[in-house]
Amino acid sequence: MKRPVAAVVATGRSAPDTVMTNHDFASIGIETSHEWIFERSGIVERRVAKKGETTASMGAAAGRIAMERAGVQPGEVDVIVLSTATADRLLPSTAVDIQAKLGATRAAAFDISAACSGWLYSMTTAEGLIMSGVAETALVIGSEKMSAIVDWTDRSTCVLFGDGAGACVLKRSKTGKGILSAFMRSDGKLAELLYRPDGGATTPFSAEVLEKKSHLVRMAGREVFKHAVRSMSEAADRALDGAKLTGSDIDLLIPHQANVRIIEATAKHSGISMDKVFVNVDRYGNTSSASIPIALDEAIEQGRVKEGSTVMLVAFGAGFTWASMIIRF
């Protein structure tokens, strides 16, 4: 495939107003400290959805902003691809709820489940739909309400995650700008290092599941860290190879915002100095598949991504899944 086929026209983001700092965990009985959390993750605070704020409402808000900035009317959207690990309900997809909120009556809408790598999987899917001629205008959203699936008594996980959504409008490229390369990979043998054991069709919700809290996120932190560094480094290499670029050609690296140590290790492997890496994990925590589109929108807003910029995006998540993409703006 000759790239670029699809270009990012505009972005948007949405996050709850409620800010939960590291110090606030003491008020809900979690034995931890700001220092303990910050030293291990780089997180200072995160956003937490209040009652009535949903994956669909945050996703629609981010999507609406991106559409307005792109000058795209609801009826012009051909497809809505939503990445989420926190669907508002199991049937139908949350993407169709977003479609209804936006009034995008012509669009096909569906969810993609690839955890923290999901937005890059969604971007690659949307690019393929544009390449095939199925779509000319795609709305790609990552929206997560992680506060709904973490165990708020488990300090090893609940301190890491936050809520929010990011979006972009993707259209057929006509100028040489757009997606230069993309890479996706997964390894299901490692699924139980980061997963929700129960609550699906195999072991549906029951009183026992709720009592054991086995429908909530469980993570083997050290193992996940090791695989994340290795896999994100591989993804970065593959994206650079696919675009026939080197680390010195990258103007900004926007990695998945899970842990500042993983971010630093990925940048070092790619030969990219930290002054060319966008980091906002300190303010949002890990928002799963929403983290890269939120960070991309902030980077554009701050002028760190502008016309002519070459940006590399890299992610790793449950599954395990990992992915990367290089975009010229």
Protein backbone atom coordinates (compact mmCIF):
# COMPACT_ATOMS: atom_id res chain seq x y z
CA MET A 1 0.00 0.00 0.00
CA LYS A 2 1.32 3.39 -0.96
CA ARG A 3 0.97 5.85 1.89
CA PRO A 4 -0.23 8.35 2.95
CA VAL A 5 -3.83 7.37 2.26
CA ALA A 6 -5.44 9.08 5.24
CA ALA A 7 -4.69 12.35 7.01
CA VAL A 8 -5.58 13.70 10.45
CA VAL A 9 -7.73 16.78 9.85
CA ALA A 10 -8.55 17.74 13.45
CA THR A 11 -8.54 16.41 17.01
CA GLY A 12 -10.53 16.88 20.21
CA ARG A 13 -10.58 15.70 23.80
CA SER A 14 -12.89 15.52 26.80
CA ALA A 15 -12.23 14.66 30.42
CA PRO A 16 -14.29 14.82 33.63
CA ASP A 17 -14.01 17.96 35.72
CA THR A 18 -13.42 15.94 38.90
CA VAL A 19 -9.71 15.74 39.72
CA MET A 20 -8.47 13.08 42.13
CA THR A 21 -4.95 13.67 43.43
CA ASN A 22 -2.63 11.10 44.96
CA HIS A 23 -3.33 12.63 48.36
CA ASP A 24 -7.06 11.92 47.98
CA PHE A 25 -6.63 8.14 48.25
CA ALA A 26 -6.22 8.42 52.01
CA SER A 27 -9.81 9.67 52.23
CA ILE A 28 -11.12 6.38 50.80
CA GLY A 29 -8.97 4.23 53.07
CA ILE A 30 -6.17 3.29 50.64
CA GLU A 31 -2.83 2.85 52.41
CA THR A 32 -0.57 4.68 50.00
CA SER A 33 1.12 8.04 49.59
CA HIS A 34 1.79 10.63 46.92
CA GLU A 35 5.48 9.75 47.03
CA TRP A 36 4.85 6.00 46.55
CA ILE A 37 2.57 6.54 43.56
CA PHE A 38 4.67 9.25 41.91
CA GLU A 39 7.96 7.35 42.27
CA ARG A 40 6.52 4.26 40.56
CA SER A 41 4.39 5.85 37.87
CA GLY A 42 4.96 9.60 37.55
CA ILE A 43 1.26 10.19 38.25
CA VAL A 44 0.18 13.17 40.37
CA GLU A 45 -3.55 13.26 39.61
CA ARG A 46 -6.21 11.79 37.37
CA ARG A 47 -9.76 12.63 36.22
CA VAL A 48 -12.66 10.57 37.57
CA ALA A 49 -16.11 10.50 36.01
CA LYS A 50 -19.05 11.38 38.22
CA LYS A 51 -22.51 9.85 38.02
CA GLY A 52 -24.01 10.45 34.59
CA GLU A 53 -20.64 10.77 32.83
CA THR A 54 -20.26 7.76 30.56
CA THR A 55 -17.92 6.34 27.97
CA ALA A 56 -20.42 7.45 25.32
CA SER A 57 -20.89 10.97 26.68
CA MET A 58 -17.13 11.60 26.94
CA GLY A 59 -16.51 10.08 23.51
CA ALA A 60 -19.27 12.12 21.91
CA ALA A 61 -17.93 15.32 23.49
CA ALA A 62 -14.41 14.67 22.16
CA GLY A 63 -15.78 13.69 18.76
CA ARG A 64 -17.96 16.79 18.53
CA ILE A 65 -14.96 19.05 19.16
CA ALA A 66 -12.89 17.27 16.50
CA MET A 67 -15.74 17.52 13.98
CA GLU A 68 -16.27 21.22 14.66
CA ARG A 69 -12.56 21.94 14.22
CA ALA A 70 -12.53 19.94 10.98
CA GLY A 71 -15.64 21.69 9.68
CA VAL A 72 -17.33 18.31 9.30
CA GLN A 73 -21.09 18.05 9.67
CA PRO A 74 -22.65 14.94 11.30
CA GLY A 75 -24.09 13.81 7.98
CA GLU A 76 -20.64 13.78 6.38
CA VAL A 77 -19.21 11.13 8.72
CA ASP A 78 -19.03 7.74 6.98
CA VAL A 79 -17.77 5.66 9.89
CA ILE A 80 -17.26 5.97 13.64
CA VAL A 81 -14.61 3.66 15.07
CA LEU A 82 -14.56 3.63 18.86
CA SER A 83 -11.81 2.09 20.93
CA THR A 84 -12.87 1.22 24.46
CA ALA A 85 -12.27 -1.35 27.17
CA THR A 86 -15.13 0.13 29.21
CA ALA A 87 -18.23 -0.18 27.05
CA ASP A 88 -21.28 1.35 28.73
CA ARG A 89 -23.16 -1.90 28.10
CA LEU A 90 -22.39 -5.21 26.44
CA LEU A 91 -24.98 -4.88 23.69
CA PRO A 92 -25.17 -2.90 21.46
CA SER A 93 -21.83 -1.18 20.92
CA THR A 94 -21.04 2.10 22.62
CA ALA A 95 -20.13 3.49 19.19
CA VAL A 96 -23.79 3.46 18.15
CA ASP A 97 -24.68 5.44 21.28
CA ILE A 98 -22.05 8.01 20.30
CA GLN A 99 -23.45 8.04 16.76
CA ALA A 100 -26.92 8.82 18.14
CA LYS A 101 -25.55 11.61 20.37
CA LEU A 102 -23.75 13.19 17.40
CA GLY A 103 -26.62 12.75 14.94
CA ALA A 104 -24.28 11.07 12.46
CA THR A 105 -27.13 9.17 10.83
CA ARG A 106 -25.17 8.08 7.72
CA ALA A 107 -22.28 6.54 9.62
CA ALA A 108 -21.50 2.93 10.29
CA ALA A 109 -20.41 2.65 13.92
CA PHE A 110 -18.60 -0.09 15.82
CA ASP A 111 -16.31 -0.74 18.80
CA ILE A 112 -12.78 -2.13 18.80
CA SER A 113 -11.42 -3.86 21.89
CA ALA A 114 -7.64 -3.83 22.04
CA ALA A 115 -7.16 -2.21 25.46
CA CYS A 116 -4.53 0.54 25.62
CA SER A 117 -3.43 -0.08 22.02
CA GLY A 118 -7.01 0.21 20.81
CA TRP A 119 -6.93 3.74 19.39
CA LEU A 120 -4.01 2.88 17.14
CA TYR A 121 -5.82 -0.31 16.08
CA SER A 122 -8.86 1.89 15.36
CA MET A 123 -6.81 4.40 13.38
CA THR A 124 -5.34 1.62 11.26
CA THR A 125 -8.82 0.16 10.70
CA ALA A 126 -10.21 3.55 9.65
CA GLU A 127 -7.25 4.09 7.32
CA GLY A 128 -8.06 0.75 5.67
CA LEU A 129 -11.69 1.74 5.19
CA ILE A 130 -10.61 4.96 3.51
CA MET A 131 -8.10 3.10 1.35
CA SER A 132 -10.78 0.61 0.23
CA GLY A 133 -13.20 3.38 -0.69
CA VAL A 134 -15.76 2.37 1.93
CA ALA A 135 -15.27 5.71 3.72
CA GLU A 136 -14.03 9.18 2.93
CA THR A 137 -14.45 10.68 6.40
CA ALA A 138 -13.87 8.71 9.60
CA LEU A 139 -14.28 9.72 13.22
CA VAL A 140 -11.85 7.74 15.38
CA ILE A 141 -12.42 7.91 19.14
CA GLY A 142 -10.79 6.45 22.24
CA SER A 143 -13.01 6.76 25.30
CA GLU A 144 -12.53 5.10 28.67
CA LYS A 145 -14.22 5.11 32.05
CA MET A 146 -11.53 3.13 33.84
CA SER A 147 -12.87 4.14 37.25
CA ALA A 148 -15.76 1.72 36.61
CA ILE A 149 -13.55 -1.38 36.25
CA VAL A 150 -10.79 -0.91 38.83
CA ASP A 151 -10.90 -2.34 42.35
CA TRP A 152 -10.90 0.72 44.58
CA THR A 153 -9.45 -1.36 47.44
CA ASP A 154 -6.41 -2.53 45.43
CA ARG A 155 -3.69 0.09 45.69
CA SER A 156 -1.57 -1.60 43.02
CA THR A 157 -4.13 -0.79 40.31
CA CYS A 158 -6.63 1.84 41.42
CA VAL A 159 -3.98 4.57 41.72
CA LEU A 160 -2.91 4.15 38.08
CA PHE A 161 -6.02 4.80 36.03
CA GLY A 162 -8.15 7.75 34.99
CA ASP A 163 -11.11 8.60 32.76
CA GLY A 164 -11.32 10.59 29.54
CA ALA A 165 -11.71 10.58 25.77
CA GLY A 166 -9.84 11.75 22.69
CA ALA A 167 -10.83 11.82 19.03
CA CYS A 168 -9.72 12.73 15.54
CA VAL A 169 -11.26 13.21 12.13
CA LEU A 170 -9.48 11.19 9.45
CA LYS A 171 -9.99 12.00 5.76
CA ARG A 172 -8.46 10.90 2.47
CA SER A 173 -5.01 12.46 2.06
CA LYS A 174 -4.53 14.72 -0.95
CA THR A 175 -1.33 16.53 -0.02
CA GLY A 176 1.26 13.95 1.04
CA LYS A 177 0.40 14.46 4.70
CA GLY A 178 -1.04 11.71 6.84
CA ILE A 179 -0.26 8.20 8.11
CA LEU A 180 3.18 7.12 6.88
CA SER A 181 3.32 3.73 8.61
CA ALA A 182 1.39 1.57 11.05
CA PHE A 183 2.12 -1.61 12.98
CA MET A 184 -0.03 -3.89 15.16
CA ARG A 185 0.77 -7.06 17.08
CA SER A 186 -0.67 -9.18 19.90
CA ASP A 187 0.13 -12.19 22.09
CA GLY A 188 -2.84 -13.88 23.73
CA LYS A 189 -0.65 -16.32 25.68
CA LEU A 190 0.03 -13.48 28.10
CA ALA A 191 -3.58 -12.41 28.59
CA GLU A 192 -3.81 -13.28 32.26
CA LEU A 193 -1.06 -10.87 33.24
CA LEU A 194 -3.52 -8.01 32.76
CA TYR A 195 -7.21 -8.86 32.55
CA ARG A 196 -10.69 -9.00 34.06
CA PRO A 197 -11.18 -12.67 34.99
CA ASP A 198 -14.98 -12.82 35.12
CA GLY A 199 -18.13 -10.99 34.10
CA GLY A 200 -18.21 -12.11 30.47
CA ALA A 201 -20.13 -14.86 28.71
CA THR A 202 -17.91 -17.64 30.13
CA THR A 203 -18.47 -16.61 33.75
CA PRO A 204 -21.41 -14.18 33.81
CA PHE A 205 -22.06 -11.73 36.61
CA SER A 206 -23.28 -13.43 39.78
CA ALA A 207 -23.31 -12.77 43.50
CA GLU A 208 -20.09 -14.76 43.78
CA VAL A 209 -18.35 -12.76 41.02
CA LEU A 210 -19.36 -9.49 42.65
CA GLU A 211 -18.24 -10.66 46.09
CA LYS A 212 -14.83 -11.77 44.77
CA LYS A 213 -14.58 -8.60 42.62
CA SER A 214 -13.30 -10.87 39.88
CA HIS A 215 -14.97 -8.68 37.24
CA LEU A 216 -12.44 -5.92 37.96
CA VAL A 217 -8.95 -5.33 36.59
CA ARG A 218 -6.13 -7.54 37.83
CA MET A 219 -2.54 -6.93 36.89
CA ALA A 220 0.86 -8.55 37.44
CA GLY A 221 2.67 -5.23 37.52
CA ARG A 222 6.32 -6.27 37.20
CA GLU A 223 5.66 -8.66 34.34
CA VAL A 224 3.51 -6.11 32.52
CA PHE A 225 6.28 -3.51 32.88
CA LYS A 226 8.89 -5.79 31.30
CA HIS A 227 6.70 -6.75 28.37
CA ALA A 228 5.56 -3.15 27.86
CA VAL A 229 9.12 -1.85 27.47
CA ARG A 230 10.10 -4.67 25.12
CA SER A 231 6.96 -4.48 22.99
CA MET A 232 6.79 -0.69 22.71
CA SER A 233 10.44 -0.66 21.67
CA GLU A 234 9.68 -3.23 18.96
CA ALA A 235 6.64 -1.24 17.82
CA ALA A 236 8.72 1.92 17.55
CA ASP A 237 11.32 0.11 15.45
CA ARG A 238 8.68 -1.30 13.12
CA ALA A 239 6.99 2.08 12.63
CA LEU A 240 10.31 3.73 11.81
CA ASP A 241 11.24 0.94 9.40
CA GLY A 242 7.84 1.14 7.70
CA ALA A 243 8.21 4.88 7.14
CA LYS A 244 11.91 4.55 6.23
CA LEU A 245 12.83 6.98 8.99
CA THR A 246 15.11 7.03 12.04
CA GLY A 247 14.59 8.41 15.52
CA SER A 248 16.29 11.65 14.48
CA ASP A 249 13.51 12.26 11.93
CA ILE A 250 10.82 12.27 14.62
CA ASP A 251 9.76 15.70 15.84
CA LEU A 252 7.62 14.36 18.69
CA LEU A 253 7.04 10.95 20.28
CA ILE A 254 3.60 10.50 21.86
CA PRO A 255 3.57 7.19 23.73
CA HIS A 256 0.76 5.56 25.65
CA GLN A 257 0.62 7.34 29.00
CA ALA A 258 0.82 4.46 31.48
CA ASN A 259 4.06 4.93 33.36
CA VAL A 260 6.80 7.52 32.97
CA ARG A 261 9.53 4.88 33.32
CA ILE A 262 8.12 2.91 30.38
CA ILE A 263 7.96 6.15 28.39
CA GLU A 264 11.59 6.97 29.17
CA ALA A 265 12.76 3.46 28.24
CA THR A 266 10.91 3.58 24.90
CA ALA A 267 12.35 6.99 24.04
CA LYS A 268 15.88 5.88 24.91
CA HIS A 269 15.57 2.77 22.74
CA SER A 270 14.45 4.88 19.76
CA GLY A 271 17.21 7.44 20.25
CA ILE A 272 14.71 10.21 20.98
CA SER A 273 15.55 12.69 23.74
CA MET A 274 12.92 13.35 26.38
CA ASP A 275 12.54 16.94 25.24
CA LYS A 276 10.94 15.47 22.09
CA VAL A 277 8.53 13.25 24.06
CA PHE A 278 5.05 14.37 25.11
CA VAL A 279 4.12 13.38 28.66
CA ASN A 280 0.86 14.11 30.47
CA VAL A 281 0.54 10.94 32.57
CA ASP A 282 1.17 13.15 35.61
CA ARG A 283 -2.19 14.90 35.07
CA TYR A 284 -4.39 12.14 33.64
CA GLY A 285 -3.00 8.81 34.82
CA ASN A 286 -3.51 5.86 32.51
CA THR A 287 -6.65 6.46 30.45
CA SER A 288 -6.09 3.28 28.42
CA SER A 289 -6.90 3.77 24.73
CA ALA A 290 -7.88 7.41 25.31
CA SER A 291 -4.36 8.36 26.39
CA ILE A 292 -2.73 8.87 22.99
CA PRO A 293 -5.57 10.89 21.39
CA ILE A 294 -5.84 13.06 24.53
CA ALA A 295 -2.08 13.64 24.45
CA LEU A 296 -2.10 14.32 20.69
CA ASP A 297 -4.82 16.94 21.08
CA GLU A 298 -2.91 18.63 23.91
CA ALA A 299 0.33 18.55 21.91
CA ILE A 300 -1.38 20.25 18.96
CA GLU A 301 -2.96 22.81 21.28
CA GLN A 302 0.45 23.61 22.80
CA GLY A 303 2.07 24.03 19.39
CA ARG A 304 4.29 20.98 19.76
CA VAL A 305 2.65 19.45 16.69
CA LYS A 306 2.27 21.80 13.76
CA GLU A 307 2.28 21.76 9.98
CA GLY A 308 5.19 19.65 8.77
CA SER A 309 5.69 17.79 12.08
CA THR A 310 6.46 14.07 11.98
CA VAL A 311 4.96 12.36 15.01
CA MET A 312 5.38 8.79 16.25
CA LEU A 313 2.66 7.16 18.39
CA VAL A 314 3.37 3.96 20.34
CA ALA A 315 1.14 1.91 22.67
CA PHE A 316 0.98 -1.31 24.68
CA GLY A 317 -1.99 -2.87 26.46
CA ALA A 318 -3.83 -5.89 27.79
CA GLY A 319 -4.05 -8.84 25.47
CA PHE A 320 -1.17 -8.30 25.19
CA THR A 321 -1.49 -5.87 22.30
CA TRP A 322 0.99 -3.34 21.00
CA ALA A 323 0.95 -0.91 18.12
CA SER A 324 2.61 2.10 16.56
CA MET A 325 2.02 4.72 13.90
CA ILE A 326 3.91 7.59 12.28
CA ILE A 327 1.93 10.58 11.04
CA ARG A 328 3.08 13.61 9.07
CA PHE A 329 1.02 16.71 9.83
